[in-house]
Amino acid sequence: MASAFMQWILNPNKNWFAALHKKSMSTRLRKYGLLYDDLYDPLYDLDVKEALDRLPREVVDARNQRLLRAMDLSLKHEYLPEHLQAQQTPFRSYLQDMLALVKRERAEREALGALPLYQRTIP
């Protein structure tokens, strides 16, 4: 029951508040040229760090460029030009598949009683 309720709460197709939140996130991410997956912090979640390490170098470099551009724009109190904002697709995912794989592998290792690949500590 709780699972179905949470899915309804978080699904933008069924819940107008979730759709409103997704639209507002999309607008804010477009202003800086970021993707939603860029918001994941590899220092906070070591699964994210492992997933980023497994991605191709070009994808990680593009992520770093987007983050640097967003920080630069934020420091200058500017946004991307309107024509570039229109080209952005903030919910196009590049990290979710690899992150799901890393989480499945970690869960499998825990189920088998193997030692973790890394210790989970928050800096």
C-alpha atoms as a PDB file:
ATOM      1  CA  MET A   1       0.000   0.000   0.000  1.00  0.00           C
ATOM      2  CA  ALA A   2       2.728   2.462   0.953  1.00  0.00           C
ATOM      3  CA  SER A   3       4.643   1.598  -2.194  1.00  0.00           C
ATOM      4  CA  ALA A   4       1.666   2.319  -4.459  1.00  0.00           C
ATOM      5  CA  PHE A   5       1.020   5.567  -2.602  1.00  0.00           C
ATOM      6  CA  MET A   6       4.655   6.691  -2.990  1.00  0.00           C
ATOM      7  CA  GLN A   7       4.598   5.847  -6.696  1.00  0.00           C
ATOM      8  CA  TRP A   8       1.477   7.951  -7.112  1.00  0.00           C
ATOM      9  CA  ILE A   9       3.007  10.862  -5.145  1.00  0.00           C
ATOM     10  CA  LEU A  10       6.210  10.851  -7.213  1.00  0.00           C
ATOM     11  CA  ASN A  11       4.689  10.211 -10.654  1.00  0.00           C
ATOM     12  CA  PRO A  12       4.330  13.485 -12.599  1.00  0.00           C
ATOM     13  CA  ASN A  13       1.800  11.857 -14.950  1.00  0.00           C
ATOM     14  CA  LYS A  14      -0.621  11.162 -12.085  1.00  0.00           C
ATOM     15  CA  ASN A  15       0.094  13.862  -9.500  1.00  0.00           C
ATOM     16  CA  TRP A  16      -0.206  17.513 -10.531  1.00  0.00           C
ATOM     17  CA  PHE A  17       2.128  18.621  -7.726  1.00  0.00           C
ATOM     18  CA  ALA A  18       4.878  16.271  -8.956  1.00  0.00           C
ATOM     19  CA  ALA A  19       4.354  17.615 -12.495  1.00  0.00           C
ATOM     20  CA  LEU A  20       4.656  21.177 -11.212  1.00  0.00           C
ATOM     21  CA  HIS A  21       7.857  20.302  -9.361  1.00  0.00           C
ATOM     22  CA  LYS A  22       9.322  18.604 -12.456  1.00  0.00           C
ATOM     23  CA  LYS A  23       8.501  21.664 -14.580  1.00  0.00           C
ATOM     24  CA  SER A  24      10.131  24.022 -12.087  1.00  0.00           C
ATOM     25  CA  MET A  25      13.241  21.794 -11.855  1.00  0.00           C
ATOM     26  CA  SER A  26      13.425  21.680 -15.639  1.00  0.00           C
ATOM     27  CA  THR A  27      13.286  25.480 -15.851  1.00  0.00           C
ATOM     28  CA  ARG A  28      16.023  25.925 -13.245  1.00  0.00           C
ATOM     29  CA  LEU A  29      18.301  23.301 -14.826  1.00  0.00           C
ATOM     30  CA  ARG A  30      17.849  24.797 -18.313  1.00  0.00           C
ATOM     31  CA  LYS A  31      18.963  28.223 -17.073  1.00  0.00           C
ATOM     32  CA  TYR A  32      22.394  26.808 -16.259  1.00  0.00           C
ATOM     33  CA  GLY A  33      22.564  24.087 -18.924  1.00  0.00           C
ATOM     34  CA  LEU A  34      22.606  21.212 -16.442  1.00  0.00           C
ATOM     35  CA  LEU A  35      21.154  17.722 -16.584  1.00  0.00           C
ATOM     36  CA  TYR A  36      19.361  16.220 -13.595  1.00  0.00           C
ATOM     37  CA  ASP A  37      22.052  13.521 -13.289  1.00  0.00           C
ATOM     38  CA  ASP A  38      24.666  16.267 -12.843  1.00  0.00           C
ATOM     39  CA  LEU A  39      23.186  16.949  -9.394  1.00  0.00           C
ATOM     40  CA  TYR A  40      24.365  13.605  -7.986  1.00  0.00           C
ATOM     41  CA  ASP A  41      27.384  14.146  -5.716  1.00  0.00           C
ATOM     42  CA  PRO A  42      30.147  11.501  -5.914  1.00  0.00           C
ATOM     43  CA  LEU A  43      31.545  12.619  -2.551  1.00  0.00           C
ATOM     44  CA  TYR A  44      28.251  11.945  -0.787  1.00  0.00           C
ATOM     45  CA  ASP A  45      27.321   8.593  -2.390  1.00  0.00           C
ATOM     46  CA  LEU A  46      30.136   6.205  -3.222  1.00  0.00           C
ATOM     47  CA  ASP A  47      27.826   4.286  -5.590  1.00  0.00           C
ATOM     48  CA  VAL A  48      27.639   7.447  -7.706  1.00  0.00           C
ATOM     49  CA  LYS A  49      31.438   7.720  -7.630  1.00  0.00           C
ATOM     50  CA  GLU A  50      31.777   4.110  -8.797  1.00  0.00           C
ATOM     51  CA  ALA A  51      29.180   4.633 -11.550  1.00  0.00           C
ATOM     52  CA  LEU A  52      31.005   7.771 -12.771  1.00  0.00           C
ATOM     53  CA  ASP A  53      34.296   5.845 -12.791  1.00  0.00           C
ATOM     54  CA  ARG A  54      32.717   3.219 -15.060  1.00  0.00           C
ATOM     55  CA  LEU A  55      31.274   5.683 -17.569  1.00  0.00           C
ATOM     56  CA  PRO A  56      33.229   6.592 -20.732  1.00  0.00           C
ATOM     57  CA  ARG A  57      35.676   9.460 -20.329  1.00  0.00           C
ATOM     58  CA  GLU A  58      33.786  11.674 -22.824  1.00  0.00           C
ATOM     59  CA  VAL A  59      30.588  11.475 -20.747  1.00  0.00           C
ATOM     60  CA  VAL A  60      32.404  12.406 -17.530  1.00  0.00           C
ATOM     61  CA  ASP A  61      34.245  15.243 -19.281  1.00  0.00           C
ATOM     62  CA  ALA A  62      30.946  16.618 -20.640  1.00  0.00           C
ATOM     63  CA  ARG A  63      29.491  16.435 -17.110  1.00  0.00           C
ATOM     64  CA  ASN A  64      32.448  18.340 -15.678  1.00  0.00           C
ATOM     65  CA  GLN A  65      32.138  20.994 -18.414  1.00  0.00           C
ATOM     66  CA  ARG A  66      28.431  21.476 -17.630  1.00  0.00           C
ATOM     67  CA  LEU A  67      29.187  21.822 -13.916  1.00  0.00           C
ATOM     68  CA  LEU A  68      31.995  24.325 -14.525  1.00  0.00           C
ATOM     69  CA  ARG A  69      29.800  26.361 -16.885  1.00  0.00           C
ATOM     70  CA  ALA A  70      26.964  26.363 -14.331  1.00  0.00           C
ATOM     71  CA  MET A  71      29.301  27.534 -11.549  1.00  0.00           C
ATOM     72  CA  ASP A  72      30.704  30.260 -13.793  1.00  0.00           C
ATOM     73  CA  LEU A  73      27.232  31.480 -14.752  1.00  0.00           C
ATOM     74  CA  SER A  74      26.129  31.413 -11.125  1.00  0.00           C
ATOM     75  CA  LEU A  75      29.129  33.454  -9.990  1.00  0.00           C
ATOM     76  CA  LYS A  76      28.437  36.012 -12.707  1.00  0.00           C
ATOM     77  CA  HIS A  77      24.713  36.096 -11.809  1.00  0.00           C
ATOM     78  CA  GLU A  78      23.836  35.245 -15.412  1.00  0.00           C
ATOM     79  CA  TYR A  79      21.901  32.533 -17.246  1.00  0.00           C
ATOM     80  CA  LEU A  80      22.433  30.784 -20.546  1.00  0.00           C
ATOM     81  CA  PRO A  81      21.088  32.697 -23.550  1.00  0.00           C
ATOM     82  CA  GLU A  82      17.452  31.896 -24.378  1.00  0.00           C
ATOM     83  CA  HIS A  83      18.277  30.080 -27.620  1.00  0.00           C
ATOM     84  CA  LEU A  84      20.645  27.728 -25.740  1.00  0.00           C
ATOM     85  CA  GLN A  85      18.129  27.181 -22.941  1.00  0.00           C
ATOM     86  CA  ALA A  86      15.592  26.017 -25.524  1.00  0.00           C
ATOM     87  CA  GLN A  87      18.012  23.304 -26.713  1.00  0.00           C
ATOM     88  CA  GLN A  88      18.547  21.806 -23.243  1.00  0.00           C
ATOM     89  CA  THR A  89      17.023  18.455 -22.248  1.00  0.00           C
ATOM     90  CA  PRO A  90      17.503  18.341 -18.464  1.00  0.00           C
ATOM     91  CA  PHE A  91      15.932  14.938 -17.841  1.00  0.00           C
ATOM     92  CA  ARG A  92      17.976  13.024 -20.427  1.00  0.00           C
ATOM     93  CA  SER A  93      19.793  10.472 -18.296  1.00  0.00           C
ATOM     94  CA  TYR A  94      23.363   9.290 -18.675  1.00  0.00           C
ATOM     95  CA  LEU A  95      24.010   7.971 -15.155  1.00  0.00           C
ATOM     96  CA  GLN A  96      20.903   6.056 -14.066  1.00  0.00           C
ATOM     97  CA  ASP A  97      21.596   2.772 -15.892  1.00  0.00           C
ATOM     98  CA  MET A  98      25.158   2.502 -14.591  1.00  0.00           C
ATOM     99  CA  LEU A  99      24.081   3.571 -11.105  1.00  0.00           C
ATOM    100  CA  ALA A 100      21.395   0.874 -11.033  1.00  0.00           C
ATOM    101  CA  LEU A 101      24.000  -1.701 -12.099  1.00  0.00           C
ATOM    102  CA  VAL A 102      26.397  -0.607  -9.342  1.00  0.00           C
ATOM    103  CA  LYS A 103      23.618  -0.741  -6.728  1.00  0.00           C
ATOM    104  CA  ARG A 104      22.575  -4.238  -7.894  1.00  0.00           C
ATOM    105  CA  GLU A 105      26.178  -5.453  -7.710  1.00  0.00           C
ATOM    106  CA  ARG A 106      26.590  -4.013  -4.215  1.00  0.00           C
ATOM    107  CA  ALA A 107      23.328  -5.627  -3.052  1.00  0.00           C
ATOM    108  CA  GLU A 108      24.436  -8.963  -4.537  1.00  0.00           C
ATOM    109  CA  ARG A 109      27.779  -8.772  -2.751  1.00  0.00           C
ATOM    110  CA  GLU A 110      26.022  -8.013   0.532  1.00  0.00           C
ATOM    111  CA  ALA A 111      23.591 -10.902  -0.002  1.00  0.00           C
ATOM    112  CA  LEU A 112      26.501 -13.288  -0.607  1.00  0.00           C
ATOM    113  CA  GLY A 113      28.335 -12.022   2.455  1.00  0.00           C
ATOM    114  CA  ALA A 114      31.324 -10.705   0.503  1.00  0.00           C
ATOM    115  CA  LEU A 115      33.324  -7.744   1.701  1.00  0.00           C
ATOM    116  CA  PRO A 116      32.192  -4.415   0.243  1.00  0.00           C
ATOM    117  CA  LEU A 117      34.286  -2.907  -2.539  1.00  0.00           C
ATOM    118  CA  TYR A 118      34.474   0.348  -0.598  1.00  0.00           C
ATOM    119  CA  GLN A 119      33.601   1.595   2.845  1.00  0.00           C
ATOM    120  CA  ARG A 120      30.560   3.848   2.981  1.00  0.00           C
ATOM    121  CA  THR A 121      31.560   7.015   4.789  1.00  0.00           C
ATOM    122  CA  ILE A 122      30.205  10.484   4.333  1.00  0.00           C
ATOM    123  CA  PRO A 123      32.985  13.097   4.231  1.00  0.00           C
END
